[in-house]
C-alpha cells in the first residue's frame, strides 16, 4: 500500500511583515525630509517686493502684511496677506503673488487723491476718494486737484464729497478749482464750486456725479457764468448784454 501524502503547512506571512516595515521606513524618511526642508533656506521667504505705492510706505505695508525675509514661505496664505494689507485706509485693492522658492510680490492700488485742504497751521492735507486723509508730503499729487475751503473737521458730507469726486474722470476733475459747503434747507449737502475756466457752479454732493456732464457741456459752449444744477438746471452769463445797444445795432 502507498503511504498517505503529508499535509503541507502554509508558509509564514513574512511578506506582509516586510511591507509594514517598508511603510514605516518610508514614513520615517518622509518625516526626515520634511524636517530638513522646513529648516532649510529654500523653505523661507527670501524676497519681498512691494509695487504700486505712491504715498503708502513700504514699511506700512510690510507691517500690515506681517511677513519678513526669513519667515516660513508656507506660513501664511496670499489671501491672508491681502486681507491684512487691504485694512490700510489708503489701499483700495491688493494682489499677492507667491512664487516658490521664496519670492513674495505685493501689488497695491491706492485710492486716488481727489482734493486737498490748507490747514490752519499752513500744512496741506490730501483727501482720498474714500474720505481718508494724509499729509500732502508730495505736492505733485495735488496738481490739478480742487482745494476744499470752509469745511469743518468731521463734516459728514466731506466723506461723501470725496467719494463723489472719486467717480469723476481726471480730466473733468482737473477743472475744479475750489469747493466749499453751501447748505440750504432743501439741500443740506449743497456745495459751491469754482472752476479754473472761471465758472461758478451751485449743485449738491448727491447730484454731482449725475450733473457733471451737464456742467461740462455748458462750460465747453458758453461764456463764464453761474451754473445751477439742482432740481432744475440754469445758466446765467457773467457778461451782461445791454438791451439798448442790442436794439441800436
Protein backbone atom coordinates (compact mmCIF):
# COMPACT_ATOMS: atom_id res chain seq x y z
CA UNK A 1 0.00 0.00 0.00
CA UNK A 2 1.13 3.54 -0.71
CA UNK A 3 1.75 5.89 2.24
CA UNK A 4 -0.61 8.88 2.65
CA UNK A 5 0.76 12.25 1.48
CA UNK A 6 1.62 14.50 4.43
CA UNK A 7 -0.34 17.76 4.83
CA UNK A 8 1.71 20.76 3.74
CA UNK A 9 1.89 23.68 6.16
CA UNK A 10 1.10 27.20 4.93
CA UNK A 11 4.18 29.40 4.72
CA UNK A 12 4.57 32.04 7.39
CA UNK A 13 3.47 35.51 6.19
CA UNK A 14 6.88 37.12 6.02
CA UNK A 15 5.91 39.20 3.00
CA UNK A 16 3.18 41.06 4.95
CA UNK A 17 5.60 41.86 7.73
CA UNK A 18 8.13 43.17 5.22
CA UNK A 19 5.53 45.53 3.77
CA UNK A 20 4.78 47.01 7.19
CA UNK A 21 8.47 47.54 7.83
CA UNK A 22 8.89 49.18 4.43
CA UNK A 23 5.93 51.51 5.10
CA UNK A 24 7.42 52.57 8.43
CA UNK A 25 10.79 53.24 6.83
CA UNK A 26 9.19 55.31 4.03
CA UNK A 27 7.19 57.31 6.58
CA UNK A 28 10.30 58.00 8.64
CA UNK A 29 12.14 59.03 5.50
CA UNK A 30 9.35 61.47 4.53
CA UNK A 31 9.33 62.95 8.04
CA UNK A 32 13.10 63.36 7.94
CA UNK A 33 12.92 65.09 4.55
CA UNK A 34 10.13 67.38 5.81
CA UNK A 35 12.16 68.38 8.85
CA UNK A 36 15.20 69.06 6.71
CA UNK A 37 13.12 71.04 4.17
CA UNK A 38 11.35 73.27 6.66
CA UNK A 39 14.64 74.03 8.38
CA UNK A 40 16.45 74.84 5.17
CA UNK A 41 16.74 78.25 3.50
CA UNK A 42 14.71 77.10 0.49
CA UNK A 43 11.54 77.00 2.61
CA UNK A 44 11.99 80.60 3.81
CA UNK A 45 10.90 83.90 2.28
CA UNK A 46 13.96 85.29 0.53
CA UNK A 47 12.48 88.27 -1.36
CA UNK A 48 9.55 90.64 -0.75
CA UNK A 49 8.63 93.09 -3.50
CA UNK A 50 6.04 95.84 -2.98
CA UNK A 51 4.68 97.57 -6.08
CA UNK A 52 2.17 100.30 -6.90
CA UNK A 53 2.67 102.65 -3.96
CA UNK A 54 2.67 106.43 -4.29
CA UNK A 55 2.09 107.62 -0.73
CA UNK A 56 1.71 104.46 1.36
CA UNK A 57 5.15 103.48 2.65
CA UNK A 58 6.62 100.04 2.17
CA UNK A 59 7.10 99.91 5.94
CA UNK A 60 3.34 100.33 6.48
CA UNK A 61 2.56 97.57 4.02
CA UNK A 62 5.23 95.26 5.42
CA UNK A 63 3.95 95.78 8.96
CA UNK A 64 0.35 95.10 7.91
CA UNK A 65 1.34 92.02 5.91
CA UNK A 66 3.20 90.70 8.97
CA UNK A 67 5.82 88.92 6.88
CA UNK A 68 9.55 89.44 6.55
CA UNK A 69 12.54 87.84 4.90
CA UNK A 70 13.38 84.63 6.72
CA UNK A 71 9.78 83.74 7.63
CA UNK A 72 8.34 80.40 6.53
CA UNK A 73 7.20 80.63 2.90
CA UNK A 74 4.19 78.41 3.57
CA UNK A 75 3.47 80.01 6.94
CA UNK A 76 0.69 82.24 5.59
CA UNK A 77 -1.55 82.35 2.54
CA UNK A 78 -1.84 85.03 -0.14
CA UNK A 79 -5.47 85.65 0.87
CA UNK A 80 -4.46 86.32 4.48
CA UNK A 81 -1.81 88.84 3.42
CA UNK A 82 -4.24 90.56 1.02
CA UNK A 83 -6.87 90.93 3.73
CA UNK A 84 -4.34 92.40 6.17
CA UNK A 85 -2.92 94.94 3.68
CA UNK A 86 -6.42 95.91 2.49
CA UNK A 87 -7.11 97.15 6.04
CA UNK A 88 -4.74 100.09 5.45
CA UNK A 89 -7.03 103.14 4.86
CA UNK A 90 -5.15 104.29 1.74
CA UNK A 91 -5.32 100.91 -0.02
CA UNK A 92 -8.12 100.13 -2.47
CA UNK A 93 -7.00 96.79 -3.96
CA UNK A 94 -4.27 94.26 -3.16
CA UNK A 95 -2.86 91.29 -5.07
CA UNK A 96 -0.29 88.93 -3.54
CA UNK A 97 1.71 86.53 -5.71
CA UNK A 98 3.88 83.86 -4.09
CA UNK A 99 6.49 82.23 -6.34
CA UNK A 100 8.48 79.30 -5.00
CA UNK A 101 11.17 79.36 -3.88
CA UNK A 102 10.89 82.29 -1.51
CA UNK A 103 9.56 85.20 -3.59
CA UNK A 104 6.53 87.25 -2.49
CA UNK A 105 5.20 90.16 -4.57
CA UNK A 106 2.59 92.52 -3.09
CA UNK A 107 0.92 94.78 -5.67
CA UNK A 108 -1.37 97.52 -4.37
CA UNK A 109 -3.75 100.05 -5.87
CA UNK A 110 -4.22 103.11 -3.67
CA UNK A 111 -7.28 105.33 -3.51
CA UNK A 112 -6.63 108.38 -5.69
CA UNK A 113 -6.17 111.86 -4.28
CA UNK A 114 -9.28 113.86 -5.23
CA UNK A 115 -8.76 117.14 -3.36
CA UNK A 116 -6.58 118.91 -0.83
CA UNK A 117 -7.07 121.32 2.02
CA UNK A 118 -4.94 124.03 3.60
CA UNK A 119 -4.96 123.60 7.37
CA UNK A 120 -4.83 126.40 9.91
CA UNK A 121 -1.16 125.61 10.63
CA UNK A 122 -0.29 126.14 6.97
CA UNK A 123 0.18 122.47 6.15
CA UNK A 124 -1.57 120.72 3.30
CA UNK A 125 -3.63 117.58 3.72
CA UNK A 126 -4.74 115.36 0.85
CA UNK A 127 -8.23 113.88 0.66
CA UNK A 128 -8.57 110.42 -0.89
CA UNK A 129 -11.55 109.03 -2.79
CA UNK A 130 -12.70 107.02 0.24
CA UNK A 131 -12.62 110.03 2.56
CA UNK A 132 -9.29 109.19 4.19
CA UNK A 133 -6.75 111.94 4.74
CA UNK A 134 -2.98 112.01 4.73
CA UNK A 135 -0.30 114.71 4.95
CA UNK A 136 0.45 116.06 1.48
CA UNK A 137 4.19 115.46 1.62
CA UNK A 138 4.36 115.13 -2.17
CA UNK A 139 2.77 118.24 -3.64
CA UNK A 140 2.88 116.71 -7.12
CA UNK A 141 -0.08 114.57 -6.08
CA UNK A 142 -2.15 117.73 -5.65
CA UNK A 143 -1.60 119.10 -9.15
CA UNK A 144 -4.91 119.73 -10.92
CA UNK A 145 -6.93 118.84 -7.81
CA UNK A 146 -9.56 121.12 -6.23
CA UNK A 147 -8.95 122.79 -2.89
CA UNK A 148 -11.55 122.46 -0.13
CA UNK A 149 -12.33 125.59 1.86
CA UNK A 150 -14.74 126.30 4.69
CA UNK A 151 -15.22 122.66 5.67
CA UNK A 152 -15.33 121.61 9.33
CA UNK A 153 -13.46 118.55 10.53
CA UNK A 154 -15.89 115.68 10.96
CA UNK A 155 -18.43 117.08 8.50
CA UNK A 156 -20.44 114.04 7.37
CA UNK A 157 -20.76 115.40 3.84
CA UNK A 158 -17.00 115.71 3.44
CA UNK A 159 -16.56 111.94 3.08
CA UNK A 160 -19.50 111.76 0.67
CA UNK A 161 -17.93 114.56 -1.39
CA UNK A 162 -14.66 112.62 -1.60
CA UNK A 163 -16.49 109.53 -2.83
CA UNK A 164 -18.34 111.52 -5.49
CA UNK A 165 -15.14 113.23 -6.65
CA UNK A 166 -13.58 109.80 -6.99
CA UNK A 167 -16.19 108.95 -9.65
CA UNK A 168 -15.28 111.94 -11.82
CA UNK A 169 -12.71 111.37 -14.61
CA UNK A 170 -9.33 113.04 -14.01
CA UNK A 171 -9.74 115.41 -16.97
CA UNK A 172 -13.03 116.77 -15.62
CA UNK A 173 -11.77 116.86 -12.05
CA UNK A 174 -8.78 118.96 -13.11
CA UNK A 175 -11.07 121.90 -14.00
CA UNK A 176 -12.47 122.14 -10.45
CA UNK A 177 -10.53 124.79 -8.57
CA UNK A 178 -12.32 125.26 -5.23
CA UNK A 179 -15.21 123.55 -3.45
CA UNK A 180 -16.98 124.96 -0.40
CA UNK A 181 -20.10 123.97 1.58
CA UNK A 182 -23.21 125.97 0.66
CA UNK A 183 -26.07 124.24 2.51
CA UNK A 184 -29.75 125.10 2.29
CA UNK A 185 -32.90 123.68 3.90
CA UNK A 186 -33.80 121.85 0.72
CA UNK A 187 -30.25 120.69 0.04
CA UNK A 188 -28.16 120.30 3.22
CA UNK A 189 -25.39 118.85 1.03
CA UNK A 190 -25.38 121.78 -1.38
CA UNK A 191 -21.95 123.00 -2.48
CA UNK A 192 -20.44 125.82 -4.48
CA UNK A 193 -17.69 125.07 -6.99
CA UNK A 194 -15.34 127.49 -8.70
CA UNK A 195 -13.71 126.20 -11.87
CA UNK A 196 -10.42 127.08 -13.49
CA UNK A 197 -12.42 128.13 -16.54
CA UNK A 198 -14.00 130.95 -14.44
CA UNK A 199 -17.43 129.41 -13.83
CA UNK A 200 -19.34 129.36 -10.55
CA UNK A 201 -21.36 126.18 -10.05
CA UNK A 202 -24.03 125.50 -7.42
CA UNK A 203 -25.07 121.88 -7.02
CA UNK A 204 -25.45 119.16 -4.38
CA UNK A 205 -22.97 116.45 -3.47
CA UNK A 206 -25.61 113.79 -4.06
CA UNK A 207 -26.14 115.14 -7.60
CA UNK A 208 -22.53 115.80 -8.52
CA UNK A 209 -21.70 112.66 -10.49
CA UNK A 210 -25.08 112.87 -12.23
CA UNK A 211 -24.72 116.55 -13.18
CA UNK A 212 -21.02 116.66 -14.09
CA UNK A 213 -21.66 116.01 -17.80
CA UNK A 214 -24.24 118.82 -17.93
CA UNK A 215 -21.76 121.16 -16.25
CA UNK A 216 -19.04 120.28 -18.75
CA UNK A 217 -21.39 120.79 -21.69
CA UNK A 218 -22.19 124.32 -20.50
CA UNK A 219 -18.53 125.13 -19.80
CA UNK A 220 -17.50 123.99 -23.28
CA UNK A 221 -20.15 126.02 -25.12
CA UNK A 222 -20.84 129.12 -23.03
CA UNK A 223 -19.05 132.18 -21.70
CA UNK A 224 -18.09 132.15 -17.99
CA UNK A 225 -21.12 132.45 -15.76
CA UNK A 226 -23.12 130.92 -12.93
CA UNK A 227 -24.44 127.39 -13.38
CA UNK A 228 -27.09 125.96 -11.06
CA UNK A 229 -27.50 122.20 -11.18
CA UNK A 230 -30.20 121.15 -8.74
CA UNK A 231 -33.81 120.12 -9.39
CA UNK A 232 -33.72 122.49 -12.35
CA UNK A 233 -30.60 123.42 -14.33
CA UNK A 234 -29.94 127.07 -15.12
CA UNK A 235 -27.13 129.16 -16.59
CA UNK A 236 -26.57 132.89 -16.25
CA UNK A 237 -23.64 134.56 -18.00
CA UNK A 238 -21.41 136.95 -16.07
CA UNK A 239 -21.30 139.12 -19.19
CA UNK A 240 -24.48 141.15 -19.23
CA UNK A 241 -25.66 142.40 -22.59
CA UNK A 242 -27.07 145.92 -22.90
CA UNK A 243 -30.58 145.78 -24.45
CA UNK A 244 -30.25 149.35 -25.78
CA UNK A 245 -27.00 148.51 -27.55
CA UNK A 246 -28.63 145.41 -29.00
CA UNK A 247 -31.56 147.48 -30.35
CA UNK A 248 -29.24 150.10 -31.81
CA UNK A 249 -27.05 147.55 -33.53
